């Protein structure tokens, strides 16, 4: 049997009269749930979407920085080659 261990340190409490109810089939697919469950899952889904957007933005930013770094290295390499040619000429 699978253990449902917490994956974050965030715990959300509910009023004692609110029940999150769901049932699954043998493959773990949700087959029935109440409206409170649906509402909570929508909030979790929104949080995940925001996290995905943040990760995507960071990846795009890091890619741009990487491209800038690559261009900088290419420029430095060209300068170094030019200086090496001068050293060879005036040796």
N, C-alpha and C. Protein backbone atom coordinates (compact mmCIF):
# COMPACT_ATOMS: atom_id res chain seq x y z
N UNK A 1 0.84 -1.18 0.00
CA UNK A 1 0.00 0.00 0.00
C UNK A 1 0.89 1.24 0.00
N UNK A 2 0.50 2.23 -0.76
CA UNK A 2 1.26 3.47 -0.87
C UNK A 2 1.07 4.32 0.37
N UNK A 3 2.18 4.94 0.82
CA UNK A 3 2.10 5.86 1.95
C UNK A 3 1.96 7.28 1.41
N UNK A 4 1.00 8.01 1.89
CA UNK A 4 0.81 9.40 1.51
C UNK A 4 1.55 10.28 2.50
N UNK A 5 2.82 10.53 2.20
CA UNK A 5 3.64 11.37 3.06
C UNK A 5 3.52 12.81 2.61
N UNK A 6 3.69 13.77 3.52
CA UNK A 6 3.62 15.17 3.12
C UNK A 6 4.79 15.52 2.20
N UNK A 7 4.51 16.32 1.17
CA UNK A 7 5.57 16.72 0.26
C UNK A 7 5.97 18.18 0.46
N UNK A 8 5.25 18.88 1.30
CA UNK A 8 5.61 20.26 1.65
C UNK A 8 5.39 20.43 3.14
N UNK A 9 5.85 21.54 3.64
CA UNK A 9 5.62 21.86 5.05
C UNK A 9 4.35 22.70 5.22
N UNK A 10 3.59 22.85 4.16
CA UNK A 10 2.37 23.63 4.22
C UNK A 10 1.20 22.73 4.59
N UNK A 11 0.51 23.11 5.60
CA UNK A 11 -0.67 22.35 6.01
C UNK A 11 -1.85 23.29 6.04
N UNK A 12 -2.95 22.86 5.45
CA UNK A 12 -4.14 23.70 5.41
C UNK A 12 -5.22 23.03 6.25
N UNK A 13 -5.81 23.80 7.13
CA UNK A 13 -6.89 23.26 7.96
C UNK A 13 -8.23 23.70 7.39
N UNK A 14 -9.24 22.91 7.67
CA UNK A 14 -10.59 23.18 7.19
C UNK A 14 -11.53 23.26 8.38
N UNK A 15 -12.64 23.95 8.20
CA UNK A 15 -13.65 23.94 9.27
C UNK A 15 -14.10 22.50 9.53
N UNK A 16 -14.47 22.23 10.76
CA UNK A 16 -14.84 20.85 11.12
C UNK A 16 -16.06 20.35 10.36
N UNK A 17 -16.88 21.26 9.86
CA UNK A 17 -18.07 20.83 9.13
C UNK A 17 -17.80 20.62 7.64
N UNK A 18 -16.60 20.94 7.19
CA UNK A 18 -16.27 20.77 5.77
C UNK A 18 -15.55 19.43 5.57
N UNK A 19 -16.02 18.65 4.64
CA UNK A 19 -15.44 17.35 4.36
C UNK A 19 -14.98 17.30 2.90
N UNK A 20 -13.75 16.86 2.70
CA UNK A 20 -13.26 16.61 1.35
C UNK A 20 -13.46 15.13 1.07
N UNK A 21 -14.30 14.84 0.11
CA UNK A 21 -14.65 13.45 -0.17
C UNK A 21 -14.32 13.13 -1.62
N UNK A 22 -13.64 12.00 -1.80
CA UNK A 22 -13.37 11.51 -3.15
C UNK A 22 -13.30 9.99 -3.11
N UNK A 23 -13.54 9.39 -4.25
CA UNK A 23 -13.35 7.95 -4.37
C UNK A 23 -12.59 7.68 -5.66
N UNK A 24 -11.78 6.65 -5.63
CA UNK A 24 -10.95 6.31 -6.78
C UNK A 24 -11.20 4.87 -7.20
N UNK A 25 -10.81 4.58 -8.44
CA UNK A 25 -10.86 3.19 -8.88
C UNK A 25 -9.57 2.50 -8.46
N UNK A 26 -9.41 1.26 -8.85
CA UNK A 26 -8.24 0.49 -8.43
C UNK A 26 -6.94 1.01 -9.04
N UNK A 27 -7.03 1.81 -10.09
CA UNK A 27 -5.84 2.39 -10.71
C UNK A 27 -5.51 3.77 -10.15
N UNK A 28 -6.29 4.24 -9.19
CA UNK A 28 -6.02 5.53 -8.56
C UNK A 28 -6.67 6.72 -9.23
N UNK A 29 -7.49 6.49 -10.23
CA UNK A 29 -8.17 7.60 -10.90
C UNK A 29 -9.39 8.01 -10.09
N UNK A 30 -9.55 9.31 -9.91
CA UNK A 30 -10.69 9.82 -9.15
C UNK A 30 -11.96 9.60 -9.96
N UNK A 31 -12.93 8.95 -9.35
CA UNK A 31 -14.20 8.65 -10.02
C UNK A 31 -15.36 9.47 -9.47
N UNK A 32 -15.22 9.98 -8.25
CA UNK A 32 -16.27 10.79 -7.65
C UNK A 32 -15.63 11.72 -6.63
N UNK A 33 -16.15 12.95 -6.54
CA UNK A 33 -15.70 13.86 -5.48
C UNK A 33 -16.77 14.90 -5.23
N UNK A 34 -16.74 15.46 -4.03
CA UNK A 34 -17.73 16.48 -3.69
C UNK A 34 -17.22 17.87 -4.09
N UNK A 35 -18.08 18.87 -3.98
CA UNK A 35 -17.73 20.22 -4.43
C UNK A 35 -16.58 20.83 -3.63
N UNK A 36 -16.49 20.52 -2.33
CA UNK A 36 -15.38 21.05 -1.52
C UNK A 36 -14.06 20.49 -2.03
N UNK A 37 -14.05 19.24 -2.41
CA UNK A 37 -12.85 18.61 -2.96
C UNK A 37 -12.45 19.28 -4.27
N UNK A 38 -13.43 19.51 -5.14
CA UNK A 38 -13.17 20.15 -6.43
C UNK A 38 -12.61 21.55 -6.22
N UNK A 39 -13.18 22.31 -5.30
CA UNK A 39 -12.72 23.67 -5.02
C UNK A 39 -11.27 23.66 -4.52
N UNK A 40 -10.95 22.76 -3.62
CA UNK A 40 -9.59 22.68 -3.10
C UNK A 40 -8.61 22.28 -4.19
N UNK A 41 -8.99 21.34 -5.03
CA UNK A 41 -8.12 20.91 -6.12
C UNK A 41 -7.89 22.05 -7.11
N UNK A 42 -8.89 22.89 -7.33
CA UNK A 42 -8.73 24.04 -8.22
C UNK A 42 -7.70 25.01 -7.65
N UNK A 43 -7.73 25.22 -6.34
CA UNK A 43 -6.76 26.11 -5.70
C UNK A 43 -5.35 25.52 -5.82
N UNK A 44 -5.23 24.23 -5.60
CA UNK A 44 -3.93 23.56 -5.73
C UNK A 44 -3.44 23.66 -7.17
N UNK A 45 -4.34 23.46 -8.11
CA UNK A 45 -3.99 23.55 -9.52
C UNK A 45 -3.49 24.95 -9.87
N UNK A 46 -4.15 25.98 -9.35
CA UNK A 46 -3.70 27.36 -9.58
C UNK A 46 -2.30 27.58 -9.03
N UNK A 47 -2.04 27.06 -7.84
CA UNK A 47 -0.71 27.19 -7.24
C UNK A 47 0.35 26.51 -8.10
N UNK A 48 0.03 25.33 -8.59
CA UNK A 48 0.98 24.60 -9.44
C UNK A 48 1.22 25.36 -10.73
N UNK A 49 0.16 25.90 -11.33
CA UNK A 49 0.32 26.68 -12.56
C UNK A 49 1.22 27.88 -12.34
N UNK A 50 1.06 28.56 -11.21
CA UNK A 50 1.92 29.71 -10.90
C UNK A 50 3.37 29.28 -10.75
N UNK A 51 3.59 28.13 -10.11
CA UNK A 51 4.95 27.62 -9.95
C UNK A 51 5.57 27.26 -11.30
N UNK A 52 4.78 26.66 -12.18
CA UNK A 52 5.27 26.31 -13.51
C UNK A 52 5.63 27.57 -14.28
N UNK A 53 4.80 28.60 -14.19
CA UNK A 53 5.10 29.87 -14.87
C UNK A 53 6.39 30.47 -14.33
N UNK A 54 6.58 30.42 -13.02
CA UNK A 54 7.80 30.95 -12.42
C UNK A 54 9.02 30.19 -12.92
N UNK A 55 8.93 28.88 -12.95
CA UNK A 55 10.05 28.06 -13.43
C UNK A 55 10.34 28.38 -14.89
N UNK A 56 9.29 28.52 -15.69
CA UNK A 56 9.46 28.85 -17.11
C UNK A 56 10.12 30.21 -17.28
N UNK A 57 9.68 31.19 -16.50
CA UNK A 57 10.29 32.53 -16.57
C UNK A 57 11.76 32.49 -16.18
N UNK A 58 12.08 31.73 -15.13
CA UNK A 58 13.48 31.62 -14.71
C UNK A 58 14.32 30.93 -15.78
N UNK A 59 13.77 29.90 -16.39
CA UNK A 59 14.50 29.19 -17.45
C UNK A 59 14.77 30.11 -18.63
N UNK A 60 13.76 30.89 -19.01
CA UNK A 60 13.93 31.83 -20.12
C UNK A 60 14.98 32.88 -19.78
N UNK A 61 14.94 33.38 -18.56
CA UNK A 61 15.91 34.37 -18.11
C UNK A 61 17.32 33.79 -18.10
N UNK A 62 17.46 32.57 -17.58
CA UNK A 62 18.77 31.94 -17.54
C UNK A 62 19.29 31.63 -18.93
N UNK A 63 18.40 31.27 -19.84
CA UNK A 63 18.80 31.02 -21.22
C UNK A 63 19.35 32.29 -21.85
N UNK A 64 18.66 33.40 -21.62
CA UNK A 64 19.13 34.68 -22.16
C UNK A 64 20.49 35.05 -21.58
N UNK A 65 20.67 34.82 -20.28
CA UNK A 65 21.96 35.10 -19.66
C UNK A 65 23.04 34.19 -20.22
N UNK A 66 22.68 32.95 -20.48
CA UNK A 66 23.64 32.00 -21.06
C UNK A 66 24.05 32.42 -22.45
N UNK A 67 23.08 32.90 -23.24
CA UNK A 67 23.39 33.37 -24.59
C UNK A 67 24.31 34.59 -24.53
N UNK A 68 24.06 35.49 -23.58
CA UNK A 68 24.92 36.66 -23.41
C UNK A 68 26.33 36.22 -23.03
N UNK A 69 26.44 35.25 -22.14
CA UNK A 69 27.75 34.75 -21.72
C UNK A 69 28.48 34.11 -22.88
N UNK A 70 27.76 33.35 -23.69
CA UNK A 70 28.37 32.70 -24.85
C UNK A 70 28.90 33.74 -25.82
N UNK A 71 28.11 34.77 -26.06
CA UNK A 71 28.54 35.84 -26.97
C UNK A 71 29.77 36.55 -26.41
N UNK A 72 29.79 36.77 -25.12
CA UNK A 72 30.93 37.41 -24.47
C UNK A 72 32.19 36.55 -24.62
N UNK A 73 32.06 35.25 -24.42
CA UNK A 73 33.20 34.34 -24.57
C UNK A 73 33.70 34.36 -26.00
N UNK A 74 32.79 34.38 -26.96
CA UNK A 74 33.20 34.44 -28.38
C UNK A 74 33.98 35.72 -28.66
N UNK A 75 33.51 36.84 -28.12
CA UNK A 75 34.21 38.11 -28.33
C UNK A 75 35.60 38.08 -27.71
N UNK A 76 35.69 37.56 -26.51
CA UNK A 76 37.00 37.46 -25.84
C UNK A 76 37.92 36.55 -26.63
N UNK A 77 37.39 35.46 -27.16
CA UNK A 77 38.19 34.53 -27.96
C UNK A 77 38.74 35.22 -29.21
N UNK A 78 37.90 36.04 -29.87
CA UNK A 78 38.37 36.77 -31.05
C UNK A 78 39.47 37.75 -30.68
N UNK A 79 39.30 38.45 -29.58
CA UNK A 79 40.33 39.40 -29.12
C UNK A 79 41.62 38.65 -28.82
N UNK A 80 41.52 37.52 -28.14
CA UNK A 80 42.71 36.73 -27.80
C UNK A 80 43.43 36.26 -29.05
N UNK A 81 42.68 35.83 -30.06
CA UNK A 81 43.30 35.39 -31.32
C UNK A 81 44.02 36.55 -31.99
N UNK A 82 43.38 37.72 -31.98
CA UNK A 82 44.02 38.90 -32.56
C UNK A 82 45.30 39.27 -31.83
N UNK A 83 45.28 39.21 -30.51
CA UNK A 83 46.49 39.50 -29.74
C UNK A 83 47.57 38.47 -30.00
N UNK A 84 47.18 37.22 -30.14
CA UNK A 84 48.15 36.16 -30.42
C UNK A 84 48.82 36.41 -31.77
N UNK A 85 48.03 36.82 -32.78
CA UNK A 85 48.60 37.13 -34.10
C UNK A 85 49.61 38.27 -34.00
N UNK A 86 49.31 39.28 -33.19
CA UNK A 86 50.26 40.39 -33.00
C UNK A 86 51.54 39.91 -32.34
N UNK A 87 51.41 39.06 -31.35
CA UNK A 87 52.59 38.53 -30.67
C UNK A 87 53.46 37.76 -31.65
N UNK A 88 52.84 36.95 -32.49
CA UNK A 88 53.59 36.15 -33.47
C UNK A 88 54.29 37.08 -34.46
N UNK A 89 53.62 38.12 -34.92
CA UNK A 89 54.21 39.06 -35.89
C UNK A 89 55.43 39.79 -35.33
N UNK A 90 55.32 40.23 -34.09
CA UNK A 90 56.38 41.06 -33.52
C UNK A 90 57.40 40.27 -32.71
N UNK A 91 57.39 38.99 -32.83
CA UNK A 91 58.34 38.16 -32.10
C UNK A 91 59.71 38.24 -32.70
